[in-house]
Amino acid sequence: MTATRIIAVRHGETAWNVETRIQGQLDIDLNSRGRWQAERVAHALADEAIDAIYASDLLRAKTTALAIAALTQLPAAREVRLHQGLRERGFGVFEGLTYTQISNDWPQESQRWRQRDPDFAPEGGESLVQLRQRVAETLHTLASRHLGEQVLLVAHGGIMDALYRLATQQDISSPRTWELGNAAINRLLWTPESLTLVGWADVRHLDDSTMDEISA
């Protein structure tokens, strides 16, 4: 086979997600709900034939990936392979600030960011053009190692957005009309020639929002 099946999962929730505070490449861990979400997605994927697990080296993605790896059926996938190419978009001086703070402190830059200016990069950060190129190159590198297999990628909202746009050929400046939920299951099919969307934003495993014994 010349195709690689991909399951892409965004990390579980963090306190900064709740606060609408930009994490970027700062190393923020999951909150209690995020750990619960990681356990739920791990159970949802427990019966999948996963040949390898790759994750961003940032703690929130690594922790989510480790929860999934602990329940996977194939021994080869129980080791999480960390890859910096799966890191969140670098937001430079925006990192650590809430959306409101960015709007107040960096009004012109905030407008360019919110309008999805492809070439805008916060000071010390990445532009959307740079992010898209990084994600495309990382995807090619990882997926090409596993032709005929299924791999799991655990990463961040910005990475999920880039994957969706690559698979659907959406322009990077187009407004987003799709979900990027924490711990959602997204499926794609990669070949050396193309990337195809198979399924997106499956959150059925999170339907029961009650904090049960997993998160107690």
C-alpha atoms as a PDB file:
ATOM      1  CA  MET A   1       0.000   0.000   0.000  1.00  0.00           C
ATOM      2  CA  THR A   2       1.134   3.544  -0.700  1.00  0.00           C
ATOM      3  CA  ALA A   3      -1.135   5.235   1.841  1.00  0.00           C
ATOM      4  CA  THR A   4      -0.781   5.996   5.536  1.00  0.00           C
ATOM      5  CA  ARG A   5      -3.863   6.253   7.731  1.00  0.00           C
ATOM      6  CA  ILE A   6      -3.572   9.070  10.226  1.00  0.00           C
ATOM      7  CA  ILE A   7      -5.425   9.706  13.453  1.00  0.00           C
ATOM      8  CA  ALA A   8      -4.789  13.261  14.641  1.00  0.00           C
ATOM      9  CA  VAL A   9      -5.746  14.273  18.185  1.00  0.00           C
ATOM     10  CA  ARG A  10      -5.487  17.654  19.834  1.00  0.00           C
ATOM     11  CA  HIS A  11      -4.254  17.573  23.427  1.00  0.00           C
ATOM     12  CA  GLY A  12      -6.672  17.699  26.354  1.00  0.00           C
ATOM     13  CA  GLU A  13      -7.795  20.929  27.948  1.00  0.00           C
ATOM     14  CA  THR A  14      -5.462  23.204  29.918  1.00  0.00           C
ATOM     15  CA  ALA A  15      -6.206  26.036  32.325  1.00  0.00           C
ATOM     16  CA  TRP A  16      -4.950  28.460  29.693  1.00  0.00           C
ATOM     17  CA  ASN A  17      -7.454  27.122  27.152  1.00  0.00           C
ATOM     18  CA  VAL A  18     -10.202  28.045  29.600  1.00  0.00           C
ATOM     19  CA  GLU A  19      -8.698  31.498  30.169  1.00  0.00           C
ATOM     20  CA  THR A  20      -8.255  32.115  26.398  1.00  0.00           C
ATOM     21  CA  ARG A  21      -4.583  32.669  27.110  1.00  0.00           C
ATOM     22  CA  ILE A  22      -2.127  32.047  24.285  1.00  0.00           C
ATOM     23  CA  GLN A  23       0.088  29.052  25.032  1.00  0.00           C
ATOM     24  CA  GLY A  24       2.061  28.815  21.823  1.00  0.00           C
ATOM     25  CA  GLN A  25       5.247  26.928  22.613  1.00  0.00           C
ATOM     26  CA  LEU A  26       5.138  27.524  26.372  1.00  0.00           C
ATOM     27  CA  ASP A  27       5.025  24.225  28.260  1.00  0.00           C
ATOM     28  CA  ILE A  28       1.616  24.170  29.964  1.00  0.00           C
ATOM     29  CA  ASP A  29       0.246  20.939  31.446  1.00  0.00           C
ATOM     30  CA  LEU A  30      -3.311  19.594  31.306  1.00  0.00           C
ATOM     31  CA  ASN A  31      -5.882  20.618  33.898  1.00  0.00           C
ATOM     32  CA  SER A  32      -8.122  18.044  35.619  1.00  0.00           C
ATOM     33  CA  ARG A  33     -10.646  18.058  32.777  1.00  0.00           C
ATOM     34  CA  GLY A  34      -7.832  17.704  30.258  1.00  0.00           C
ATOM     35  CA  ARG A  35      -6.548  14.614  32.037  1.00  0.00           C
ATOM     36  CA  TRP A  36     -10.087  13.218  32.022  1.00  0.00           C
ATOM     37  CA  GLN A  37     -10.356  13.929  28.290  1.00  0.00           C
ATOM     38  CA  ALA A  38      -7.019  12.185  27.696  1.00  0.00           C
ATOM     39  CA  GLU A  39      -8.303   9.085  29.467  1.00  0.00           C
ATOM     40  CA  ARG A  40     -11.538   9.147  27.476  1.00  0.00           C
ATOM     41  CA  VAL A  41      -9.824   9.444  24.107  1.00  0.00           C
ATOM     42  CA  ALA A  42      -7.410   6.697  25.179  1.00  0.00           C
ATOM     43  CA  HIS A  43     -10.323   4.346  25.828  1.00  0.00           C
ATOM     44  CA  ALA A  44     -11.951   5.378  22.529  1.00  0.00           C
ATOM     45  CA  LEU A  45      -8.805   4.427  20.601  1.00  0.00           C
ATOM     46  CA  ALA A  46      -7.859   1.365  22.648  1.00  0.00           C
ATOM     47  CA  ASP A  47      -9.027  -1.106  19.985  1.00  0.00           C
ATOM     48  CA  GLU A  48      -7.460   0.742  17.047  1.00  0.00           C
ATOM     49  CA  ALA A  49      -4.534  -0.830  15.217  1.00  0.00           C
ATOM     50  CA  ILE A  50      -2.006   1.936  15.806  1.00  0.00           C
ATOM     51  CA  ASP A  51       1.500   1.227  14.525  1.00  0.00           C
ATOM     52  CA  ALA A  52       3.236   4.316  15.919  1.00  0.00           C
ATOM     53  CA  ILE A  53       2.465   7.311  18.108  1.00  0.00           C
ATOM     54  CA  TYR A  54       4.092  10.683  17.532  1.00  0.00           C
ATOM     55  CA  ALA A  55       3.513  13.711  19.749  1.00  0.00           C
ATOM     56  CA  SER A  56       4.609  17.268  20.194  1.00  0.00           C
ATOM     57  CA  ASP A  57       7.278  17.468  22.888  1.00  0.00           C
ATOM     58  CA  LEU A  58       5.190  20.008  24.805  1.00  0.00           C
ATOM     59  CA  LEU A  59       3.806  18.558  28.029  1.00  0.00           C
ATOM     60  CA  ARG A  60       0.091  18.946  27.239  1.00  0.00           C
ATOM     61  CA  ALA A  61       0.444  16.873  24.062  1.00  0.00           C
ATOM     62  CA  LYS A  62       2.945  14.419  25.540  1.00  0.00           C
ATOM     63  CA  THR A  63       0.668  13.712  28.530  1.00  0.00           C
ATOM     64  CA  THR A  64      -2.302  13.092  26.222  1.00  0.00           C
ATOM     65  CA  ALA A  65      -0.238  10.791  24.010  1.00  0.00           C
ATOM     66  CA  LEU A  66       1.081   8.789  26.969  1.00  0.00           C
ATOM     67  CA  ALA A  67      -2.486   8.127  28.139  1.00  0.00           C
ATOM     68  CA  ILE A  68      -3.351   6.742  24.696  1.00  0.00           C
ATOM     69  CA  ALA A  69      -0.139   4.717  24.440  1.00  0.00           C
ATOM     70  CA  ALA A  70      -0.843   3.038  27.781  1.00  0.00           C
ATOM     71  CA  LEU A  71      -3.968   1.381  26.342  1.00  0.00           C
ATOM     72  CA  THR A  72      -2.894   0.669  22.771  1.00  0.00           C
ATOM     73  CA  GLN A  73      -2.832  -2.976  21.675  1.00  0.00           C
ATOM     74  CA  LEU A  74       0.374  -3.047  19.615  1.00  0.00           C
ATOM     75  CA  PRO A  75       3.622  -3.081  21.613  1.00  0.00           C
ATOM     76  CA  ALA A  76       5.421  -0.962  19.002  1.00  0.00           C
ATOM     77  CA  ALA A  77       3.019   1.917  19.633  1.00  0.00           C
ATOM     78  CA  ARG A  78       3.479   2.012  23.396  1.00  0.00           C
ATOM     79  CA  GLU A  79       6.505   4.262  23.039  1.00  0.00           C
ATOM     80  CA  VAL A  80       5.581   7.873  22.316  1.00  0.00           C
ATOM     81  CA  ARG A  81       7.991   9.432  19.840  1.00  0.00           C
ATOM     82  CA  LEU A  82       8.376  13.165  20.447  1.00  0.00           C
ATOM     83  CA  HIS A  83       8.776  15.500  17.475  1.00  0.00           C
ATOM     84  CA  GLN A  84       9.285  19.261  17.603  1.00  0.00           C
ATOM     85  CA  GLY A  85       7.640  19.604  14.195  1.00  0.00           C
ATOM     86  CA  LEU A  86       4.320  18.905  15.924  1.00  0.00           C
ATOM     87  CA  ARG A  87       4.676  21.843  18.328  1.00  0.00           C
ATOM     88  CA  GLU A  88       2.041  24.558  18.439  1.00  0.00           C
ATOM     89  CA  ARG A  89       2.554  27.665  16.339  1.00  0.00           C
ATOM     90  CA  GLY A  90       5.145  29.938  17.891  1.00  0.00           C
ATOM     91  CA  PHE A  91       3.380  33.100  19.065  1.00  0.00           C
ATOM     92  CA  GLY A  92       6.416  34.996  20.337  1.00  0.00           C
ATOM     93  CA  VAL A  93       5.452  38.051  22.399  1.00  0.00           C
ATOM     94  CA  PHE A  94       1.788  36.969  22.405  1.00  0.00           C
ATOM     95  CA  GLU A  95       2.541  33.888  24.492  1.00  0.00           C
ATOM     96  CA  GLY A  96       1.185  34.075  28.025  1.00  0.00           C
ATOM     97  CA  LEU A  97      -1.319  36.820  27.158  1.00  0.00           C
ATOM     98  CA  THR A  98      -5.097  36.583  26.922  1.00  0.00           C
ATOM     99  CA  TYR A  99      -6.909  37.613  23.755  1.00  0.00           C
ATOM    100  CA  THR A 100      -8.062  40.771  25.522  1.00  0.00           C
ATOM    101  CA  GLN A 101      -4.528  41.672  26.597  1.00  0.00           C
ATOM    102  CA  ILE A 102      -3.240  41.183  23.067  1.00  0.00           C
ATOM    103  CA  SER A 103      -6.003  43.393  21.702  1.00  0.00           C
ATOM    104  CA  ASN A 104      -5.194  46.110  24.238  1.00  0.00           C
ATOM    105  CA  ASP A 105      -1.395  45.927  24.142  1.00  0.00           C
ATOM    106  CA  TRP A 106      -0.842  45.139  20.461  1.00  0.00           C
ATOM    107  CA  PRO A 107      -3.897  46.541  18.629  1.00  0.00           C
ATOM    108  CA  GLN A 108      -2.461  46.639  15.088  1.00  0.00           C
ATOM    109  CA  GLU A 109      -0.770  43.273  15.439  1.00  0.00           C
ATOM    110  CA  SER A 110      -3.920  41.821  16.985  1.00  0.00           C
ATOM    111  CA  GLN A 111      -5.975  42.923  13.984  1.00  0.00           C
ATOM    112  CA  ARG A 112      -3.569  41.287  11.530  1.00  0.00           C
ATOM    113  CA  TRP A 113      -3.592  38.111  13.606  1.00  0.00           C
ATOM    114  CA  ARG A 114      -7.394  37.957  13.841  1.00  0.00           C
ATOM    115  CA  GLN A 115      -7.732  38.636  10.118  1.00  0.00           C
ATOM    116  CA  ARG A 116      -5.416  35.686   9.434  1.00  0.00           C
ATOM    117  CA  ASP A 117      -2.810  37.696   7.566  1.00  0.00           C
ATOM    118  CA  PRO A 118      -0.715  34.858   6.091  1.00  0.00           C
ATOM    119  CA  ASP A 119       2.580  36.719   6.448  1.00  0.00           C
ATOM    120  CA  PHE A 120       2.037  38.191   9.908  1.00  0.00           C
ATOM    121  CA  ALA A 121       4.180  36.775  12.691  1.00  0.00           C
ATOM    122  CA  PRO A 122       4.144  38.116  16.252  1.00  0.00           C
ATOM    123  CA  GLU A 123       7.611  39.274  17.278  1.00  0.00           C
ATOM    124  CA  GLY A 124       9.605  36.107  17.908  1.00  0.00           C
ATOM    125  CA  GLY A 125       6.848  33.886  16.479  1.00  0.00           C
ATOM    126  CA  GLU A 126       5.737  32.166  13.278  1.00  0.00           C
ATOM    127  CA  SER A 127       3.538  33.301  10.403  1.00  0.00           C
ATOM    128  CA  LEU A 128       0.738  31.134   9.041  1.00  0.00           C
ATOM    129  CA  VAL A 129       2.842  30.540   5.936  1.00  0.00           C
ATOM    130  CA  GLN A 130       5.719  29.262   8.058  1.00  0.00           C
ATOM    131  CA  LEU A 131       3.382  27.095  10.150  1.00  0.00           C
ATOM    132  CA  ARG A 132       1.774  25.500   7.094  1.00  0.00           C
ATOM    133  CA  GLN A 133       5.165  24.671   5.610  1.00  0.00           C
ATOM    134  CA  ARG A 134       6.362  23.152   8.890  1.00  0.00           C
ATOM    135  CA  VAL A 135       3.245  21.005   9.256  1.00  0.00           C
ATOM    136  CA  ALA A 136       3.369  19.818   5.637  1.00  0.00           C
ATOM    137  CA  GLU A 137       7.048  18.874   5.931  1.00  0.00           C
ATOM    138  CA  THR A 138       6.561  17.125   9.282  1.00  0.00           C
ATOM    139  CA  LEU A 139       3.570  15.198   7.987  1.00  0.00           C
ATOM    140  CA  HIS A 140       5.514  14.024   4.928  1.00  0.00           C
ATOM    141  CA  THR A 141       8.469  12.960   7.072  1.00  0.00           C
ATOM    142  CA  LEU A 142       6.394  10.960   9.545  1.00  0.00           C
ATOM    143  CA  ALA A 143       3.738   9.501   7.252  1.00  0.00           C
ATOM    144  CA  SER A 144       6.250   8.332   4.646  1.00  0.00           C
ATOM    145  CA  ARG A 145       7.813   6.072   7.298  1.00  0.00           C
ATOM    146  CA  HIS A 146       4.566   4.149   7.736  1.00  0.00           C
ATOM    147  CA  LEU A 147       3.102   3.343   4.319  1.00  0.00           C
ATOM    148  CA  GLY A 148       0.355   0.766   4.719  1.00  0.00           C
ATOM    149  CA  GLU A 149       0.090   1.473   8.443  1.00  0.00           C
ATOM    150  CA  GLN A 150      -1.863   3.703  10.808  1.00  0.00           C
ATOM    151  CA  VAL A 151      -0.179   6.343  12.936  1.00  0.00           C
ATOM    152  CA  LEU A 152      -1.410   8.637  15.683  1.00  0.00           C
ATOM    153  CA  LEU A 153      -0.334  12.275  15.845  1.00  0.00           C
ATOM    154  CA  VAL A 154      -0.992  14.152  19.101  1.00  0.00           C
ATOM    155  CA  ALA A 155      -0.509  17.866  18.763  1.00  0.00           C
ATOM    156  CA  HIS A 156      -2.197  21.267  19.085  1.00  0.00           C
ATOM    157  CA  GLY A 157      -5.028  23.373  17.709  1.00  0.00           C
ATOM    158  CA  GLY A 158      -2.808  25.186  15.240  1.00  0.00           C
ATOM    159  CA  ILE A 159      -1.492  21.890  13.893  1.00  0.00           C
ATOM    160  CA  MET A 160      -5.009  20.464  13.563  1.00  0.00           C
ATOM    161  CA  ASP A 161      -6.116  23.581  11.697  1.00  0.00           C
ATOM    162  CA  ALA A 162      -3.179  23.300   9.292  1.00  0.00           C
ATOM    163  CA  LEU A 163      -3.913  19.610   8.674  1.00  0.00           C
ATOM    164  CA  TYR A 164      -7.567  20.344   7.905  1.00  0.00           C
ATOM    165  CA  ARG A 165      -6.615  23.111   5.473  1.00  0.00           C
ATOM    166  CA  LEU A 166      -4.036  20.921   3.741  1.00  0.00           C
ATOM    167  CA  ALA A 167      -6.535  18.075   3.363  1.00  0.00           C
ATOM    168  CA  THR A 168      -9.353  20.278   2.063  1.00  0.00           C
ATOM    169  CA  GLN A 169      -7.158  22.745   0.159  1.00  0.00           C
ATOM    170  CA  GLN A 170      -8.548  25.627   2.177  1.00  0.00           C
ATOM    171  CA  ASP A 171      -6.611  28.859   1.935  1.00  0.00           C
ATOM    172  CA  ILE A 172      -4.692  29.670   5.122  1.00  0.00           C
ATOM    173  CA  SER A 173      -6.371  33.078   5.303  1.00  0.00           C
ATOM    174  CA  SER A 174      -9.932  31.729   5.021  1.00  0.00           C
ATOM    175  CA  PRO A 175     -12.120  32.022   8.146  1.00  0.00           C
ATOM    176  CA  ARG A 176     -12.342  28.775  10.089  1.00  0.00           C
ATOM    177  CA  THR A 177     -15.699  26.980   9.911  1.00  0.00           C
ATOM    178  CA  TRP A 178     -14.630  23.684  11.522  1.00  0.00           C
ATOM    179  CA  GLU A 179     -14.052  22.612  15.117  1.00  0.00           C
ATOM    180  CA  LEU A 180     -10.681  22.105  16.797  1.00  0.00           C
ATOM    181  CA  GLY A 181     -11.906  20.543  20.021  1.00  0.00           C
ATOM    182  CA  ASN A 182      -9.640  19.302  22.791  1.00  0.00           C
ATOM    183  CA  ALA A 183      -9.219  15.509  22.579  1.00  0.00           C
ATOM    184  CA  ALA A 184     -11.309  15.262  19.399  1.00  0.00           C
ATOM    185  CA  ILE A 185     -10.483  12.414  17.006  1.00  0.00           C
ATOM    186  CA  ASN A 186      -9.668  13.440  13.438  1.00  0.00           C
ATOM    187  CA  ARG A 187      -8.878  11.050  10.579  1.00  0.00           C
ATOM    188  CA  LEU A 188      -6.928  11.592   7.362  1.00  0.00           C
ATOM    189  CA  LEU A 189      -5.388   9.541   4.597  1.00  0.00           C
ATOM    190  CA  TRP A 190      -1.912  10.463   3.375  1.00  0.00           C
ATOM    191  CA  THR A 191      -0.196   9.437   0.168  1.00  0.00           C
ATOM    192  CA  PRO A 192       2.972  10.914  -1.342  1.00  0.00           C
ATOM    193  CA  GLU A 193       0.685  12.804  -3.737  1.00  0.00           C
ATOM    194  CA  SER A 194      -2.176  13.968  -1.524  1.00  0.00           C
ATOM    195  CA  LEU A 195      -3.825  14.335   1.875  1.00  0.00           C
ATOM    196  CA  THR A 196      -7.515  13.442   2.199  1.00  0.00           C
ATOM    197  CA  LEU A 197      -9.979  14.177   4.966  1.00  0.00           C
ATOM    198  CA  VAL A 198     -11.729  11.015   6.215  1.00  0.00           C
ATOM    199  CA  GLY A 199     -13.450  12.222   9.389  1.00  0.00           C
ATOM    200  CA  TRP A 200     -13.236  15.263  11.619  1.00  0.00           C
ATOM    201  CA  ALA A 201     -13.984  16.386  15.171  1.00  0.00           C
ATOM    202  CA  ASP A 202     -15.368  13.128  16.538  1.00  0.00           C
ATOM    203  CA  VAL A 203     -16.126  13.851  20.200  1.00  0.00           C
ATOM    204  CA  ARG A 204     -18.630  11.098  20.939  1.00  0.00           C
ATOM    205  CA  HIS A 205     -16.265   9.723  23.580  1.00  0.00           C
ATOM    206  CA  LEU A 206     -16.641  13.029  25.443  1.00  0.00           C
ATOM    207  CA  ASP A 207     -20.441  13.113  25.426  1.00  0.00           C
ATOM    208  CA  ASP A 208     -20.613  12.348  29.157  1.00  0.00           C
ATOM    209  CA  SER A 209     -19.117  15.523  30.613  1.00  0.00           C
ATOM    210  CA  THR A 210     -19.554  14.400  34.205  1.00  0.00           C
ATOM    211  CA  MET A 211     -16.245  14.175  36.046  1.00  0.00           C
ATOM    212  CA  ASP A 212     -16.138  10.490  36.949  1.00  0.00           C
ATOM    213  CA  GLU A 213     -13.613   8.429  38.854  1.00  0.00           C
ATOM    214  CA  ILE A 214     -11.028   8.903  36.118  1.00  0.00           C
ATOM    215  CA  SER A 215     -10.623  12.564  37.027  1.00  0.00           C
ATOM    216  CA  ALA A 216     -11.408  12.359  40.726  1.00  0.00           C
END
